Amino acid sequence: MLVKFNNSYLEKLFKGEPVKGKPRYYSIEIEKFKKTILILHNVSNSVELKQFKSLNFEALKGEKKGLYSVRVNDAFRLEFKILKDIIEIVQIEQFSNHYK
């Protein structure tokens, strides 16, 4: 899948570029975030993504309808849109603490 970012802070984190201000995430969370992005990049489509049971890929409901999420660790989820074209494009929206 092609991965795009709708959040410049998360794009900089993924690319290892410096970000302004106090870090929002611990380094272990950032490493897991990067690994999850690489999985999204390396799968062909959302059907293939479902095979990674540990990611708990799911469509969100309610006010987040239209977004999907995968588990980064026990607390954090990566939220994204799937834009369908010739190939599926994942547009990263948010990296959030699922329990806050």
N, C-alpha and C. Protein backbone atom coordinates (compact mmCIF):
# COMPACT_ATOMS: atom_id res chain seq x y z
N MET A 1 0.84 -1.17 0.00
CA MET A 1 0.00 0.00 0.00
C MET A 1 0.89 1.24 0.00
N LEU A 2 0.42 2.27 -0.60
CA LEU A 2 1.12 3.54 -0.58
C LEU A 2 0.73 4.26 0.71
N VAL A 3 1.69 4.77 1.44
CA VAL A 3 1.43 5.44 2.71
C VAL A 3 1.68 6.93 2.56
N LYS A 4 0.68 7.72 2.91
CA LYS A 4 0.79 9.18 2.92
C LYS A 4 0.45 9.65 4.33
N PHE A 5 0.92 10.84 4.66
CA PHE A 5 0.64 11.39 5.99
C PHE A 5 -0.22 12.64 5.88
N ASN A 6 -1.23 12.73 6.72
CA ASN A 6 -2.06 13.92 6.82
C ASN A 6 -1.65 14.71 8.06
N ASN A 7 -0.58 14.27 8.70
CA ASN A 7 -0.10 14.86 9.94
C ASN A 7 1.42 15.03 9.80
N SER A 8 1.88 16.27 9.68
CA SER A 8 3.31 16.52 9.44
C SER A 8 4.19 16.09 10.61
N TYR A 9 3.68 16.18 11.84
CA TYR A 9 4.44 15.74 13.01
C TYR A 9 4.75 14.25 12.90
N LEU A 10 3.72 13.45 12.56
CA LEU A 10 3.92 12.00 12.44
C LEU A 10 4.82 11.65 11.27
N GLU A 11 4.72 12.42 10.19
CA GLU A 11 5.59 12.19 9.04
C GLU A 11 7.05 12.43 9.42
N LYS A 12 7.31 13.49 10.18
CA LYS A 12 8.67 13.77 10.63
C LYS A 12 9.18 12.69 11.57
N LEU A 13 8.31 12.20 12.47
CA LEU A 13 8.70 11.11 13.37
C LEU A 13 9.11 9.88 12.56
N PHE A 14 8.30 9.54 11.57
CA PHE A 14 8.59 8.35 10.76
C PHE A 14 9.91 8.49 10.01
N LYS A 15 10.15 9.67 9.47
CA LYS A 15 11.36 9.90 8.69
C LYS A 15 12.58 10.15 9.57
N GLY A 16 12.40 10.29 10.88
CA GLY A 16 13.52 10.54 11.78
C GLY A 16 13.99 11.98 11.75
N GLU A 17 13.14 12.88 11.28
CA GLU A 17 13.49 14.30 11.23
C GLU A 17 13.22 14.95 12.58
N PRO A 18 13.93 16.02 12.91
CA PRO A 18 13.70 16.69 14.19
C PRO A 18 12.31 17.33 14.24
N VAL A 19 11.72 17.28 15.44
CA VAL A 19 10.41 17.91 15.66
C VAL A 19 10.55 18.94 16.78
N LYS A 20 9.73 19.97 16.71
CA LYS A 20 9.81 21.04 17.69
C LYS A 20 9.09 20.66 18.98
N GLY A 21 9.54 21.23 20.06
CA GLY A 21 8.87 21.07 21.34
C GLY A 21 9.18 19.78 22.06
N LYS A 22 8.46 19.60 23.14
CA LYS A 22 8.60 18.42 23.99
C LYS A 22 8.09 17.19 23.24
N PRO A 23 8.82 16.07 23.29
CA PRO A 23 8.37 14.86 22.61
C PRO A 23 7.00 14.40 23.13
N ARG A 24 6.14 14.00 22.22
CA ARG A 24 4.80 13.53 22.59
C ARG A 24 4.78 12.05 22.92
N TYR A 25 5.81 11.32 22.47
CA TYR A 25 5.84 9.87 22.63
C TYR A 25 7.22 9.44 23.10
N TYR A 26 7.26 8.31 23.80
CA TYR A 26 8.53 7.72 24.21
C TYR A 26 9.18 7.05 23.00
N SER A 27 10.48 6.86 23.06
CA SER A 27 11.21 6.28 21.93
C SER A 27 10.73 4.87 21.57
N ILE A 28 10.35 4.08 22.56
CA ILE A 28 9.86 2.73 22.27
C ILE A 28 8.55 2.77 21.49
N GLU A 29 7.70 3.76 21.80
CA GLU A 29 6.44 3.92 21.07
C GLU A 29 6.70 4.38 19.64
N ILE A 30 7.69 5.23 19.46
CA ILE A 30 8.04 5.72 18.12
C ILE A 30 8.57 4.56 17.27
N GLU A 31 9.39 3.70 17.85
CA GLU A 31 9.92 2.55 17.10
C GLU A 31 8.80 1.60 16.67
N LYS A 32 7.85 1.34 17.56
CA LYS A 32 6.70 0.49 17.23
C LYS A 32 5.85 1.15 16.14
N PHE A 33 5.68 2.47 16.24
CA PHE A 33 4.95 3.25 15.24
C PHE A 33 5.60 3.07 13.87
N LYS A 34 6.92 3.21 13.81
CA LYS A 34 7.64 3.07 12.55
C LYS A 34 7.49 1.66 11.97
N LYS A 35 7.56 0.65 12.82
CA LYS A 35 7.41 -0.73 12.36
C LYS A 35 6.01 -0.96 11.79
N THR A 36 5.01 -0.37 12.42
CA THR A 36 3.63 -0.51 11.95
C THR A 36 3.45 0.17 10.60
N ILE A 37 4.04 1.36 10.44
CA ILE A 37 3.97 2.05 9.15
C ILE A 37 4.63 1.20 8.06
N LEU A 38 5.75 0.57 8.37
CA LEU A 38 6.44 -0.28 7.39
C LEU A 38 5.58 -1.49 7.00
N ILE A 39 4.84 -2.04 7.95
CA ILE A 39 3.92 -3.14 7.61
C ILE A 39 2.86 -2.64 6.63
N LEU A 40 2.28 -1.47 6.92
CA LEU A 40 1.28 -0.89 6.01
C LEU A 40 1.87 -0.70 4.62
N HIS A 41 3.10 -0.24 4.57
CA HIS A 41 3.78 0.00 3.30
C HIS A 41 4.03 -1.30 2.52
N ASN A 42 4.29 -2.37 3.24
CA ASN A 42 4.68 -3.63 2.60
C ASN A 42 3.53 -4.55 2.21
N VAL A 43 2.31 -4.26 2.67
CA VAL A 43 1.17 -5.08 2.24
C VAL A 43 0.57 -4.49 0.98
N SER A 44 -0.09 -5.32 0.20
CA SER A 44 -0.67 -4.86 -1.06
C SER A 44 -2.00 -4.14 -0.87
N ASN A 45 -2.80 -4.64 0.09
CA ASN A 45 -4.13 -4.07 0.28
C ASN A 45 -4.66 -4.41 1.68
N SER A 46 -5.86 -3.93 1.97
CA SER A 46 -6.44 -4.13 3.30
C SER A 46 -6.77 -5.59 3.57
N VAL A 47 -7.06 -6.36 2.54
CA VAL A 47 -7.32 -7.79 2.73
C VAL A 47 -6.06 -8.47 3.27
N GLU A 48 -4.93 -8.13 2.71
CA GLU A 48 -3.65 -8.69 3.17
C GLU A 48 -3.33 -8.20 4.58
N LEU A 49 -3.71 -6.98 4.90
CA LEU A 49 -3.46 -6.42 6.23
C LEU A 49 -4.21 -7.20 7.31
N LYS A 50 -5.39 -7.72 6.98
CA LYS A 50 -6.19 -8.48 7.94
C LYS A 50 -5.48 -9.75 8.40
N GLN A 51 -4.52 -10.23 7.65
CA GLN A 51 -3.78 -11.44 8.01
C GLN A 51 -2.87 -11.22 9.22
N PHE A 52 -2.55 -9.97 9.51
CA PHE A 52 -1.73 -9.64 10.69
C PHE A 52 -2.67 -9.49 11.89
N LYS A 53 -3.03 -10.60 12.48
CA LYS A 53 -4.01 -10.61 13.59
C LYS A 53 -3.57 -9.73 14.76
N SER A 54 -2.28 -9.64 15.01
CA SER A 54 -1.79 -8.86 16.15
C SER A 54 -2.05 -7.36 15.98
N LEU A 55 -2.27 -6.91 14.74
CA LEU A 55 -2.55 -5.48 14.51
C LEU A 55 -3.99 -5.11 14.82
N ASN A 56 -4.87 -6.11 14.90
CA ASN A 56 -6.28 -5.86 15.20
C ASN A 56 -6.87 -4.79 14.27
N PHE A 57 -6.68 -4.98 12.97
CA PHE A 57 -7.19 -4.06 11.96
C PHE A 57 -8.71 -4.00 12.02
N GLU A 58 -9.25 -2.78 12.11
CA GLU A 58 -10.71 -2.64 12.20
C GLU A 58 -11.18 -1.30 11.68
N ALA A 59 -12.42 -1.28 11.21
CA ALA A 59 -13.08 -0.04 10.81
C ALA A 59 -13.63 0.61 12.08
N LEU A 60 -13.46 1.91 12.19
CA LEU A 60 -13.96 2.62 13.37
C LEU A 60 -15.41 3.03 13.17
N LYS A 61 -16.07 3.30 14.28
CA LYS A 61 -17.51 3.62 14.25
C LYS A 61 -17.75 4.99 14.88
N GLY A 62 -19.00 5.41 14.84
CA GLY A 62 -19.39 6.67 15.48
C GLY A 62 -18.80 7.87 14.78
N GLU A 63 -18.26 8.80 15.56
CA GLU A 63 -17.70 10.03 14.99
C GLU A 63 -16.44 9.79 14.17
N LYS A 64 -15.87 8.60 14.28
CA LYS A 64 -14.67 8.26 13.51
C LYS A 64 -14.98 7.33 12.34
N LYS A 65 -16.25 7.27 11.97
CA LYS A 65 -16.65 6.45 10.83
C LYS A 65 -15.89 6.91 9.59
N GLY A 66 -15.40 5.97 8.80
CA GLY A 66 -14.60 6.28 7.63
C GLY A 66 -13.11 6.12 7.88
N LEU A 67 -12.75 5.99 9.16
CA LEU A 67 -11.36 5.74 9.54
C LEU A 67 -11.19 4.27 9.91
N TYR A 68 -9.96 3.82 9.82
CA TYR A 68 -9.58 2.47 10.23
C TYR A 68 -8.47 2.59 11.26
N SER A 69 -8.24 1.52 12.01
CA SER A 69 -7.13 1.57 12.96
C SER A 69 -6.42 0.23 13.01
N VAL A 70 -5.16 0.30 13.43
CA VAL A 70 -4.37 -0.89 13.75
C VAL A 70 -3.69 -0.64 15.09
N ARG A 71 -3.43 -1.71 15.79
CA ARG A 71 -2.79 -1.63 17.10
C ARG A 71 -1.29 -1.47 16.93
N VAL A 72 -0.71 -0.50 17.62
CA VAL A 72 0.74 -0.31 17.63
C VAL A 72 1.32 -1.01 18.85
N ASN A 73 0.67 -0.84 19.98
CA ASN A 73 1.03 -1.58 21.20
C ASN A 73 -0.25 -1.69 22.04
N ASP A 74 -0.13 -2.06 23.29
CA ASP A 74 -1.33 -2.24 24.12
C ASP A 74 -2.13 -0.96 24.29
N ALA A 75 -1.48 0.18 24.25
CA ALA A 75 -2.17 1.44 24.52
C ALA A 75 -2.44 2.28 23.27
N PHE A 76 -1.57 2.21 22.27
CA PHE A 76 -1.66 3.12 21.14
C PHE A 76 -2.20 2.47 19.87
N ARG A 77 -2.97 3.27 19.13
CA ARG A 77 -3.52 2.87 17.84
C ARG A 77 -3.11 3.86 16.78
N LEU A 78 -2.98 3.38 15.57
CA LEU A 78 -2.71 4.23 14.42
C LEU A 78 -4.01 4.32 13.63
N GLU A 79 -4.50 5.54 13.44
CA GLU A 79 -5.74 5.76 12.72
C GLU A 79 -5.44 6.29 11.33
N PHE A 80 -6.17 5.77 10.33
CA PHE A 80 -5.91 6.16 8.95
C PHE A 80 -7.16 5.99 8.09
N LYS A 81 -7.12 6.62 6.93
CA LYS A 81 -8.14 6.45 5.90
C LYS A 81 -7.56 5.56 4.83
N ILE A 82 -8.43 4.82 4.15
CA ILE A 82 -7.99 4.06 2.99
C ILE A 82 -8.60 4.72 1.77
N LEU A 83 -7.75 5.28 0.95
CA LEU A 83 -8.17 5.95 -0.27
C LEU A 83 -7.96 4.97 -1.42
N LYS A 84 -9.03 4.61 -2.09
CA LYS A 84 -8.92 3.61 -3.15
C LYS A 84 -8.71 4.28 -4.49
N ASP A 85 -7.73 3.79 -5.18
CA ASP A 85 -7.38 4.24 -6.52
C ASP A 85 -7.00 2.97 -7.28
N ILE A 86 -6.03 3.01 -8.12
CA ILE A 86 -5.54 1.79 -8.75
C ILE A 86 -4.96 0.88 -7.67
N ILE A 87 -4.29 1.51 -6.71
CA ILE A 87 -3.82 0.79 -5.53
C ILE A 87 -4.45 1.46 -4.32
N GLU A 88 -4.47 0.77 -3.20
CA GLU A 88 -4.99 1.39 -1.98
C GLU A 88 -3.92 2.30 -1.40
N ILE A 89 -4.36 3.48 -0.99
CA ILE A 89 -3.46 4.46 -0.38
C ILE A 89 -3.90 4.65 1.07
N VAL A 90 -2.97 4.50 1.98
CA VAL A 90 -3.25 4.73 3.40
C VAL A 90 -2.84 6.15 3.73
N GLN A 91 -3.77 6.92 4.27
CA GLN A 91 -3.48 8.29 4.68
C GLN A 91 -3.50 8.34 6.20
N ILE A 92 -2.33 8.49 6.81
CA ILE A 92 -2.20 8.48 8.26
C ILE A 92 -2.84 9.74 8.84
N GLU A 93 -3.73 9.55 9.79
CA GLU A 93 -4.45 10.66 10.40
C GLU A 93 -3.95 10.95 11.82
N GLN A 94 -3.82 9.89 12.63
CA GLN A 94 -3.53 10.13 14.04
C GLN A 94 -2.84 8.91 14.66
N PHE A 95 -2.01 9.19 15.65
CA PHE A 95 -1.37 8.18 16.49
C PHE A 95 -1.83 8.49 17.89
N SER A 96 -2.78 7.71 18.41
CA SER A 96 -3.44 8.12 19.65
C SER A 96 -3.39 7.03 20.72
N ASN A 97 -3.49 7.49 21.94
CA ASN A 97 -3.60 6.59 23.07
C ASN A 97 -5.05 6.14 23.13
N HIS A 98 -5.27 4.88 22.92
CA HIS A 98 -6.60 4.29 22.80
C HIS A 98 -7.41 4.47 24.09
N TYR A 99 -6.75 4.57 25.21
CA TYR A 99 -7.44 4.55 26.50
C TYR A 99 -7.59 5.93 27.14
N LYS A 100 -7.26 7.00 26.41
CA LYS A 100 -7.43 8.34 26.99
C LYS A 100 -8.46 9.10 26.22
